[in-house]
Amino acid sequence: MEKADYILSSDHVFTCLKDKPESLAIAVVGNRIAAVDSRERLQAMIGEKIQKSMIFKTN
């Protein structure tokens, strides 16, 4: 699995797949979105170069 450059995490991510926003995380590699999934599933994408300050969480 590719390692993310940074991860955005929010309780209000709207994917257009459901009628309501969900609590999800978005992994970014380079200048593209690499994955949108639960925070738990994207833990594997946290590489050595990501620091805790690079994991952004919003409510």
PDB file of N, CA and C in Angstrom:
ATOM      1  N   MET A   1       0.843  -1.179   0.000  1.00  0.00           N
ATOM      2  CA  MET A   1       0.000   0.000   0.000  1.00  0.00           C
ATOM      3  C   MET A   1       0.890   1.244   0.000  1.00  0.00           C
ATOM      4  N   GLU A   2       0.523   2.196  -0.788  1.00  0.00           N
ATOM      5  CA  GLU A   2       1.252   3.457  -0.909  1.00  0.00           C
ATOM      6  C   GLU A   2       1.142   4.250   0.394  1.00  0.00           C
ATOM      7  N   LYS A   3       2.219   4.924   0.779  1.00  0.00           N
ATOM      8  CA  LYS A   3       2.211   5.749   1.986  1.00  0.00           C
ATOM      9  C   LYS A   3       1.771   7.167   1.636  1.00  0.00           C
ATOM     10  N   ALA A   4       0.945   7.752   2.487  1.00  0.00           N
ATOM     11  CA  ALA A   4       0.396   9.086   2.243  1.00  0.00           C
ATOM     12  C   ALA A   4       1.386  10.176   2.620  1.00  0.00           C
ATOM     13  N   ASP A   5       1.273  11.317   1.927  1.00  0.00           N
ATOM     14  CA  ASP A   5       2.040  12.501   2.293  1.00  0.00           C
ATOM     15  C   ASP A   5       1.393  13.194   3.488  1.00  0.00           C
ATOM     16  N   TYR A   6       0.083  13.182   3.523  1.00  0.00           N
ATOM     17  CA  TYR A   6      -0.653  13.651   4.695  1.00  0.00           C
ATOM     18  C   TYR A   6      -2.057  13.078   4.659  1.00  0.00           C
ATOM     19  N   ILE A   7      -2.734  13.147   5.814  1.00  0.00           N
ATOM     20  CA  ILE A   7      -4.073  12.584   5.959  1.00  0.00           C
ATOM     21  C   ILE A   7      -4.984  13.635   6.583  1.00  0.00           C
ATOM     22  N   LEU A   8      -6.126  13.838   5.953  1.00  0.00           N
ATOM     23  CA  LEU A   8      -7.155  14.735   6.482  1.00  0.00           C
ATOM     24  C   LEU A   8      -8.237  13.856   7.094  1.00  0.00           C
ATOM     25  N   SER A   9      -8.718  14.239   8.252  1.00  0.00           N
ATOM     26  CA  SER A   9      -9.718  13.440   8.943  1.00  0.00           C
ATOM     27  C   SER A   9     -10.831  14.363   9.430  1.00  0.00           C
ATOM     28  N   SER A  10     -12.075  13.964   9.201  1.00  0.00           N
ATOM     29  CA  SER A  10     -13.198  14.800   9.611  1.00  0.00           C
ATOM     30  C   SER A  10     -14.415  13.941   9.930  1.00  0.00           C
ATOM     31  N   ASP A  11     -15.258  14.470  10.772  1.00  0.00           N
ATOM     32  CA  ASP A  11     -16.533  13.809  11.069  1.00  0.00           C
ATOM     33  C   ASP A  11     -17.591  14.134  10.023  1.00  0.00           C
ATOM     34  N   HIS A  12     -17.247  15.002   9.057  1.00  0.00           N
ATOM     35  CA  HIS A  12     -18.231  15.464   8.077  1.00  0.00           C
ATOM     36  C   HIS A  12     -17.676  15.429   6.657  1.00  0.00           C
ATOM     37  N   VAL A  13     -17.339  14.242   6.166  1.00  0.00           N
ATOM     38  CA  VAL A  13     -16.848  14.086   4.793  1.00  0.00           C
ATOM     39  C   VAL A  13     -18.029  13.659   3.926  1.00  0.00           C
ATOM     40  N   PHE A  14     -18.290  14.426   2.869  1.00  0.00           N
ATOM     41  CA  PHE A  14     -19.388  14.104   1.955  1.00  0.00           C
ATOM     42  C   PHE A  14     -18.797  13.489   0.689  1.00  0.00           C
ATOM     43  N   THR A  15     -19.141  12.243   0.416  1.00  0.00           N
ATOM     44  CA  THR A  15     -18.579  11.514  -0.724  1.00  0.00           C
ATOM     45  C   THR A  15     -19.538  11.398  -1.905  1.00  0.00           C
ATOM     46  N   CYS A  16     -20.765  11.818  -1.742  1.00  0.00           N
ATOM     47  CA  CYS A  16     -21.819  11.672  -2.752  1.00  0.00           C
ATOM     48  C   CYS A  16     -22.277  10.225  -2.905  1.00  0.00           C
ATOM     49  N   LEU A  17     -21.748   9.309  -2.119  1.00  0.00           N
ATOM     50  CA  LEU A  17     -22.178   7.911  -2.165  1.00  0.00           C
ATOM     51  C   LEU A  17     -23.332   7.658  -1.202  1.00  0.00           C
ATOM     52  N   LYS A  18     -23.486   8.544  -0.229  1.00  0.00           N
ATOM     53  CA  LYS A  18     -24.576   8.461   0.738  1.00  0.00           C
ATOM     54  C   LYS A  18     -25.220   9.831   0.851  1.00  0.00           C
ATOM     55  N   ASP A  19     -26.394   9.879   1.451  1.00  0.00           N
ATOM     56  CA  ASP A  19     -27.126  11.139   1.565  1.00  0.00           C
ATOM     57  C   ASP A  19     -26.569  12.080   2.634  1.00  0.00           C
ATOM     58  N   LYS A  20     -25.789  11.535   3.555  1.00  0.00           N
ATOM     59  CA  LYS A  20     -25.275  12.349   4.658  1.00  0.00           C
ATOM     60  C   LYS A  20     -23.749  12.262   4.711  1.00  0.00           C
ATOM     61  N   PRO A  21     -23.114  13.278   5.274  1.00  0.00           N
ATOM     62  CA  PRO A  21     -21.666  13.211   5.485  1.00  0.00           C
ATOM     63  C   PRO A  21     -21.317  12.071   6.443  1.00  0.00           C
ATOM     64  N   GLU A  22     -20.089  11.565   6.320  1.00  0.00           N
ATOM     65  CA  GLU A  22     -19.631  10.468   7.170  1.00  0.00           C
ATOM     66  C   GLU A  22     -18.353  10.860   7.894  1.00  0.00           C
ATOM     67  N   SER A  23     -18.023  10.116   8.922  1.00  0.00           N
ATOM     68  CA  SER A  23     -16.773  10.295   9.642  1.00  0.00           C
ATOM     69  C   SER A  23     -15.707   9.472   8.919  1.00  0.00           C
ATOM     70  N   LEU A  24     -14.850  10.143   8.141  1.00  0.00           N
ATOM     71  CA  LEU A  24     -13.873   9.456   7.300  1.00  0.00           C
ATOM     72  C   LEU A  24     -12.534  10.178   7.302  1.00  0.00           C
ATOM     73  N   ALA A  25     -11.557   9.550   6.670  1.00  0.00           N
ATOM     74  CA  ALA A  25     -10.239  10.143   6.488  1.00  0.00           C
ATOM     75  C   ALA A  25      -9.906  10.133   4.998  1.00  0.00           C
ATOM     76  N   ILE A  26      -9.107  11.109   4.586  1.00  0.00           N
ATOM     77  CA  ILE A  26      -8.708  11.259   3.185  1.00  0.00           C
ATOM     78  C   ILE A  26      -7.182  11.247   3.141  1.00  0.00           C
ATOM     79  N   ALA A  27      -6.622  10.268   2.444  1.00  0.00           N
ATOM     80  CA  ALA A  27      -5.165  10.166   2.307  1.00  0.00           C
ATOM     81  C   ALA A  27      -4.743  10.835   1.005  1.00  0.00           C
ATOM     82  N   VAL A  28      -3.716  11.686   1.083  1.00  0.00           N
ATOM     83  CA  VAL A  28      -3.220  12.414  -0.085  1.00  0.00           C
ATOM     84  C   VAL A  28      -1.781  11.982  -0.365  1.00  0.00           C
ATOM     85  N   VAL A  29      -1.525  11.629  -1.629  1.00  0.00           N
ATOM     86  CA  VAL A  29      -0.179  11.272  -2.086  1.00  0.00           C
ATOM     87  C   VAL A  29       0.151  12.211  -3.241  1.00  0.00           C
ATOM     88  N   GLY A  30       1.229  12.972  -3.089  1.00  0.00           N
ATOM     89  CA  GLY A  30       1.571  13.951  -4.116  1.00  0.00           C
ATOM     90  C   GLY A  30       0.491  15.007  -4.179  1.00  0.00           C
ATOM     91  N   ASN A  31      -0.112  15.162  -5.347  1.00  0.00           N
ATOM     92  CA  ASN A  31      -1.188  16.148  -5.497  1.00  0.00           C
ATOM     93  C   ASN A  31      -2.526  15.483  -5.804  1.00  0.00           C
ATOM     94  N   ARG A  32      -2.688  14.224  -5.346  1.00  0.00           N
ATOM     95  CA  ARG A  32      -3.946  13.525  -5.622  1.00  0.00           C
ATOM     96  C   ARG A  32      -4.480  12.811  -4.385  1.00  0.00           C
ATOM     97  N   ILE A  33      -5.786  12.634  -4.373  1.00  0.00           N
ATOM     98  CA  ILE A  33      -6.426  11.854  -3.310  1.00  0.00           C
ATOM     99  C   ILE A  33      -6.171  10.389  -3.624  1.00  0.00           C
ATOM    100  N   ALA A  34      -5.532   9.689  -2.704  1.00  0.00           N
ATOM    101  CA  ALA A  34      -5.192   8.281  -2.916  1.00  0.00           C
ATOM    102  C   ALA A  34      -6.241   7.342  -2.323  1.00  0.00           C
ATOM    103  N   ALA A  35      -6.917   7.786  -1.255  1.00  0.00           N
ATOM    104  CA  ALA A  35      -7.907   6.918  -0.621  1.00  0.00           C
ATOM    105  C   ALA A  35      -8.830   7.734   0.263  1.00  0.00           C
ATOM    106  N   VAL A  36     -10.070   7.268   0.356  1.00  0.00           N
ATOM    107  CA  VAL A  36     -11.056   7.802   1.302  1.00  0.00           C
ATOM    108  C   VAL A  36     -11.635   6.592   2.004  1.00  0.00           C
ATOM    109  N   ASP A  37     -11.439   6.532   3.313  1.00  0.00           N
ATOM    110  CA  ASP A  37     -11.886   5.352   4.058  1.00  0.00           C
ATOM    111  C   ASP A  37     -11.961   5.715   5.539  1.00  0.00           C
ATOM    112  N   SER A  38     -12.222   4.739   6.368  1.00  0.00           N
ATOM    113  CA  SER A  38     -12.264   4.991   7.805  1.00  0.00           C
ATOM    114  C   SER A  38     -10.868   5.336   8.308  1.00  0.00           C
ATOM    115  N   ARG A  39     -10.822   6.015   9.424  1.00  0.00           N
ATOM    116  CA  ARG A  39      -9.527   6.370  10.016  1.00  0.00           C
ATOM    117  C   ARG A  39      -8.710   5.115  10.317  1.00  0.00           C
ATOM    118  N   GLU A  40      -9.386   4.091  10.793  1.00  0.00           N
ATOM    119  CA  GLU A  40      -8.704   2.851  11.146  1.00  0.00           C
ATOM    120  C   GLU A  40      -8.058   2.199   9.932  1.00  0.00           C
ATOM    121  N   ARG A  41      -8.765   2.159   8.826  1.00  0.00           N
ATOM    122  CA  ARG A  41      -8.223   1.520   7.618  1.00  0.00           C
ATOM    123  C   ARG A  41      -7.083   2.311   6.996  1.00  0.00           C
ATOM    124  N   LEU A  42      -7.082   3.615   7.160  1.00  0.00           N
ATOM    125  CA  LEU A  42      -6.014   4.428   6.573  1.00  0.00           C
ATOM    126  C   LEU A  42      -4.775   4.503   7.465  1.00  0.00           C
ATOM    127  N   GLN A  43      -4.816   3.914   8.637  1.00  0.00           N
ATOM    128  CA  GLN A  43      -3.636   3.878   9.504  1.00  0.00           C
ATOM    129  C   GLN A  43      -2.450   3.229   8.787  1.00  0.00           C
ATOM    130  N   ALA A  44      -2.719   2.267   7.935  1.00  0.00           N
ATOM    131  CA  ALA A  44      -1.652   1.572   7.204  1.00  0.00           C
ATOM    132  C   ALA A  44      -0.946   2.496   6.212  1.00  0.00           C
ATOM    133  N   MET A  45      -1.580   3.608   5.851  1.00  0.00           N
ATOM    134  CA  MET A  45      -0.977   4.543   4.897  1.00  0.00           C
ATOM    135  C   MET A  45      -0.088   5.585   5.566  1.00  0.00           C
ATOM    136  N   ILE A  46      -0.043   5.563   6.887  1.00  0.00           N
ATOM    137  CA  ILE A  46       0.809   6.515   7.598  1.00  0.00           C
ATOM    138  C   ILE A  46       2.245   6.009   7.511  1.00  0.00           C
ATOM    139  N   GLY A  47       3.056   6.748   6.786  1.00  0.00           N
ATOM    140  CA  GLY A  47       4.447   6.369   6.600  1.00  0.00           C
ATOM    141  C   GLY A  47       5.369   7.060   7.590  1.00  0.00           C
ATOM    142  N   GLU A  48       6.658   6.765   7.460  1.00  0.00           N
ATOM    143  CA  GLU A  48       7.649   7.337   8.366  1.00  0.00           C
ATOM    144  C   GLU A  48       7.747   8.851   8.242  1.00  0.00           C
ATOM    145  N   LYS A  49       7.475   9.390   7.040  1.00  0.00           N
ATOM    146  CA  LYS A  49       7.640  10.832   6.863  1.00  0.00           C
ATOM    147  C   LYS A  49       6.459  11.649   7.380  1.00  0.00           C
ATOM    148  N   ILE A  50       5.353  10.992   7.717  1.00  0.00           N
ATOM    149  CA  ILE A  50       4.213  11.714   8.292  1.00  0.00           C
ATOM    150  C   ILE A  50       4.458  11.896   9.781  1.00  0.00           C
ATOM    151  N   GLN A  51       4.370  13.129  10.212  1.00  0.00           N
ATOM    152  CA  GLN A  51       4.458  13.442  11.622  1.00  0.00           C
ATOM    153  C   GLN A  51       3.048  13.611  12.152  1.00  0.00           C
ATOM    154  N   LYS A  52       2.884  13.533  13.446  1.00  0.00           N
ATOM    155  CA  LYS A  52       1.558  13.654  14.044  1.00  0.00           C
ATOM    156  C   LYS A  52       0.886  14.958  13.609  1.00  0.00           C
ATOM    157  N   SER A  53       1.659  16.018  13.433  1.00  0.00           N
ATOM    158  CA  SER A  53       1.093  17.309  13.048  1.00  0.00           C
ATOM    159  C   SER A  53       0.579  17.301  11.598  1.00  0.00           C
ATOM    160  N   MET A  54       0.909  16.261  10.828  1.00  0.00           N
ATOM    161  CA  MET A  54       0.479  16.185   9.432  1.00  0.00           C
ATOM    162  C   MET A  54      -0.835  15.413   9.284  1.00  0.00           C
ATOM    163  N   ILE A  55      -1.376  14.935  10.389  1.00  0.00           N
ATOM    164  CA  ILE A  55      -2.678  14.262  10.376  1.00  0.00           C
ATOM    165  C   ILE A  55      -3.679  15.279  10.892  1.00  0.00           C
ATOM    166  N   PHE A  56      -4.454  15.848   9.992  1.00  0.00           N
ATOM    167  CA  PHE A  56      -5.359  16.941  10.316  1.00  0.00           C
ATOM    168  C   PHE A  56      -6.734  16.395  10.657  1.00  0.00           C
ATOM    169  N   LYS A  57      -7.320  16.857  11.748  1.00  0.00           N
ATOM    170  CA  LYS A  57      -8.655  16.438  12.144  1.00  0.00           C
ATOM    171  C   LYS A  57      -9.530  17.646  12.314  1.00  0.00           C
ATOM    172  N   THR A  58     -10.727  17.578  11.757  1.00  0.00           N
ATOM    173  CA  THR A  58     -11.722  18.637  11.952  1.00  0.00           C
ATOM    174  C   THR A  58     -12.984  18.005  12.503  1.00  0.00           C
ATOM    175  N   ASN A  59     -13.779  18.797  13.165  1.00  0.00           N
ATOM    176  CA  ASN A  59     -15.058  18.307  13.701  1.00  0.00           C
ATOM    177  C   ASN A  59     -16.193  18.853  12.917  1.00  0.00           C
TER     178      ASN A  59
END
